[in-house]
Protein backbone atom coordinates (compact mmCIF):
# COMPACT_ATOMS: atom_id res chain seq x y z
CA MET A 1 3.73 -4.42 -23.91
CA ILE A 2 2.26 -2.04 -21.30
CA THR A 3 3.49 1.41 -20.30
CA SER A 4 2.36 4.05 -17.83
CA LEU A 5 0.83 7.46 -18.45
CA VAL A 6 0.69 9.87 -15.55
CA VAL A 7 -2.08 12.41 -16.13
CA THR A 8 -2.73 15.56 -14.13
CA ILE A 9 -6.01 17.37 -14.56
CA ILE A 10 -7.14 20.68 -13.05
CA GLY A 11 -10.31 22.62 -13.73
CA PRO A 12 -13.73 23.62 -12.49
CA ASP A 13 -15.25 20.75 -10.52
CA ARG A 14 -18.23 18.92 -11.97
CA PRO A 15 -19.87 15.59 -11.08
CA ASP A 16 -18.81 13.68 -14.20
CA LEU A 17 -15.04 14.33 -14.35
CA VAL A 18 -13.95 10.96 -12.98
CA ARG A 19 -16.40 9.21 -15.31
CA LEU A 20 -15.04 11.18 -18.28
CA LEU A 21 -11.46 10.16 -17.43
CA SER A 22 -12.37 6.52 -16.87
CA ASP A 23 -14.43 6.37 -20.08
CA LYS A 24 -11.46 7.66 -22.11
CA ALA A 25 -9.11 5.16 -20.46
CA SER A 26 -11.46 2.21 -20.92
CA ALA A 27 -12.00 3.02 -24.60
CA PHE A 28 -8.28 2.41 -25.21
CA GLY A 29 -7.82 -0.62 -22.95
CA ALA A 30 -6.07 1.34 -20.22
CA ASN A 31 -6.11 0.26 -16.58
CA TRP A 32 -6.66 2.90 -13.87
CA ALA A 33 -3.69 1.90 -11.70
CA GLU A 34 -3.58 4.61 -9.01
CA SER A 35 -4.79 8.14 -8.37
CA ARG A 36 -5.08 11.08 -6.01
CA LEU A 37 -8.13 13.28 -6.57
CA ALA A 38 -9.45 16.28 -4.63
CA ASN A 39 -11.72 19.28 -4.76
CA LEU A 40 -9.72 22.33 -3.70
CA ALA A 41 -11.61 25.64 -3.51
CA GLY A 42 -14.12 24.49 -6.13
CA GLN A 43 -11.43 23.23 -8.50
CA PHE A 44 -10.99 19.56 -9.34
CA ALA A 45 -7.34 18.57 -9.03
CA GLY A 46 -6.22 15.07 -9.81
CA ILE A 47 -3.35 12.88 -10.79
CA VAL A 48 -3.91 9.45 -12.29
CA ARG A 49 -1.56 6.72 -13.48
CA PHE A 50 -2.94 4.66 -16.31
CA GLN A 51 -1.38 1.41 -17.55
CA VAL A 52 -1.96 1.34 -21.29
CA PRO A 53 -0.85 -0.87 -24.20
CA ILE A 54 2.01 0.92 -25.99
CA ALA A 55 0.19 0.68 -29.33
CA LYS A 56 -2.68 2.77 -27.88
CA VAL A 57 -0.71 5.46 -26.01
CA ASP A 58 -0.92 8.16 -28.70
CA SER A 59 -4.63 7.55 -29.25
CA LEU A 60 -5.35 7.78 -25.51
CA VAL A 61 -3.28 10.96 -25.23
CA ALA A 62 -5.27 12.53 -28.07
CA ALA A 63 -8.56 11.48 -26.44
CA LEU A 64 -7.53 12.93 -23.08
CA ARG A 65 -6.54 16.20 -24.80
CA GLU A 66 -10.16 16.48 -25.99
CA LEU A 67 -11.10 17.16 -22.35
CA GLU A 68 -9.30 20.51 -22.58
CA ALA A 69 -12.38 21.78 -24.44
CA LEU A 70 -14.18 21.55 -21.06
CA ASP A 71 -11.89 24.25 -19.56
CA LEU A 72 -9.63 21.57 -18.06
CA HIS A 73 -5.85 21.78 -17.94
CA ILE A 74 -4.28 18.41 -18.77
CA ASN A 75 -0.63 17.41 -18.46
CA ILE A 76 0.51 13.96 -19.56
CA SER A 77 3.82 12.27 -18.81
CA LYS A 78 4.72 9.01 -20.53
CA ASN A 79 6.43 6.15 -18.64
CA GLY A 80 5.86 7.74 -15.22
CA GLY A 81 9.52 8.23 -14.27
CA LYS A 82 11.96 5.94 -12.51
CA PRO A 83 10.94 3.58 -9.69
CA ALA A 84 11.96 4.28 -6.11
CA GLU A 85 15.39 3.08 -5.09
CA ALA A 86 15.57 -0.11 -3.06
CA SER A 87 17.92 1.64 -0.63
CA ASN A 88 15.03 3.75 0.70
CA ARG A 89 12.26 3.01 3.18
CA LEU A 90 8.82 4.55 3.50
CA LEU A 91 7.79 6.19 6.79
CA SER A 92 4.65 8.10 7.81
CA VAL A 93 4.76 11.45 9.60
CA GLU A 94 1.97 13.57 11.03
CA LEU A 95 2.26 17.19 12.10
CA ILE A 96 -0.15 19.63 13.74
CA GLY A 97 0.34 23.15 15.05
CA GLN A 98 -0.63 26.80 14.83
CA ASP A 99 -1.00 27.81 11.21
CA ARG A 100 1.47 30.30 9.79
CA PRO A 101 3.11 30.89 6.42
CA GLY A 102 6.27 28.88 5.72
CA ILE A 103 5.57 25.59 7.49
CA VAL A 104 5.69 23.48 4.31
CA ARG A 105 8.78 25.36 3.08
CA GLU A 106 10.65 24.66 6.34
CA ILE A 107 9.68 20.99 6.36
CA ALA A 108 10.51 20.49 2.67
CA SER A 109 13.86 22.24 3.03
CA THR A 110 14.89 20.25 6.11
CA LEU A 111 13.98 16.95 4.45
CA ALA A 112 15.47 17.74 1.03
CA ASP A 113 18.79 18.75 2.65
CA ARG A 114 19.00 15.13 3.84
CA SER A 115 17.84 13.52 0.56
CA ILE A 116 14.49 12.61 2.10
CA SER A 117 11.66 12.97 -0.41
CA MET A 118 7.94 13.34 0.16
CA GLU A 119 6.17 10.44 -1.51
CA GLU A 120 2.80 11.86 -0.46
CA LEU A 121 1.72 15.03 1.33
CA ASP A 122 -1.81 15.84 2.50
CA THR A 123 -2.41 19.14 4.29
CA GLU A 124 -5.40 21.02 5.57
CA LEU A 125 -6.41 23.82 7.90
CA ILE A 126 -8.61 22.71 10.78
CA SER A 127 -10.26 24.50 13.67
CA GLY A 128 -8.70 24.01 17.09
CA SER A 129 -11.15 22.19 19.37
CA TRP A 130 -10.77 24.57 22.33
CA SER A 131 -9.69 27.86 20.81
CA GLY A 132 -11.25 27.70 17.37
CA GLU A 133 -7.94 29.02 16.00
CA SER A 134 -6.71 27.77 12.66
CA LEU A 135 -4.38 24.77 12.95
CA PHE A 136 -2.19 23.41 10.17
CA GLN A 137 -2.31 19.61 9.87
CA ALA A 138 -0.09 17.56 7.58
CA LYS A 139 0.23 13.86 6.89
CA ALA A 140 3.16 12.72 4.79
CA LYS A 141 4.82 9.57 3.55
CA LEU A 142 8.55 10.07 3.42
CA ARG A 143 11.02 8.12 1.31
CA VAL A 144 14.01 7.94 3.66
CA PRO A 145 17.47 6.66 2.64
CA THR A 146 18.40 3.60 4.72
CA ARG A 147 21.64 5.34 5.70
CA ILE A 148 19.52 7.60 7.96
CA GLU A 149 18.71 5.65 11.13
CA THR A 150 15.26 6.05 12.71
CA ALA A 151 16.86 7.64 15.80
CA GLU A 152 18.56 10.23 13.58
CA LEU A 153 15.29 10.95 11.78
CA CYS A 154 13.56 11.37 15.16
CA HIS A 155 16.27 13.87 16.15
CA ILE A 156 15.78 15.78 12.88
CA LEU A 157 12.01 15.87 13.40
CA GLU A 158 12.36 16.90 17.06
CA GLY A 159 14.46 19.88 16.00
CA LEU A 160 11.95 20.80 13.32
CA ALA A 161 9.03 20.46 15.77
CA ASN A 162 10.78 22.76 18.27
CA GLU A 163 11.65 25.32 15.60
CA LEU A 164 8.12 25.38 14.17
CA MET A 165 6.38 24.93 17.56
CA VAL A 166 4.31 22.00 16.29
CA ASP A 167 3.67 18.41 17.35
CA VAL A 168 5.16 15.76 15.06
CA SER A 169 4.69 12.00 15.19
CA LEU A 170 6.62 9.41 13.20
CA GLU A 171 5.25 5.97 12.42
CA ASN A 172 7.42 3.10 11.23
CA ASP A 173 5.04 0.14 11.42
CA ARG A 174 4.42 1.23 15.02
CA PRO A 175 4.04 4.68 16.66
CA VAL A 176 7.29 6.18 17.91
CA GLY A 177 5.47 8.83 19.94
CA MET A 178 4.95 12.54 19.90
CA LEU A 179 7.99 14.65 19.27
CA THR A 180 7.92 18.18 20.69
């Protein structure tokens, strides 16, 4: 029988971190199922889901803990949580606008109030092409309950875009257009 381990790792970036993780997993017959890895301000930050035979879980956990000697912070969750509900759909959203504190908080609050969760969120600060000013850019995958119609979600996002003075686009297999 196979189970999942979700592993987060944070620490000073170095060229061999992914190899170290994959070597540990391979040594215990684990499959690298999915991951998100990034270098943020010189720190390696990653989350990996391994599929591992149940009989080897404890041994793999112990082996991964050995990486803490390299000044890495490791957190391991067994079984990876519950699967997404079938009554939800996945939609992509992009946002861009003047950077200011609180954008993520406002977005997260608006979505959470409607039981919409962020499956993925990628953000970055970019330079505006004409002004050179700092722009906040976000790309997210939202898990939206089917009870919320696309038109209603567009209305929610339009209100958020107006409040935050940003451009938002929603994609549901096809572009819906810019919402401002």
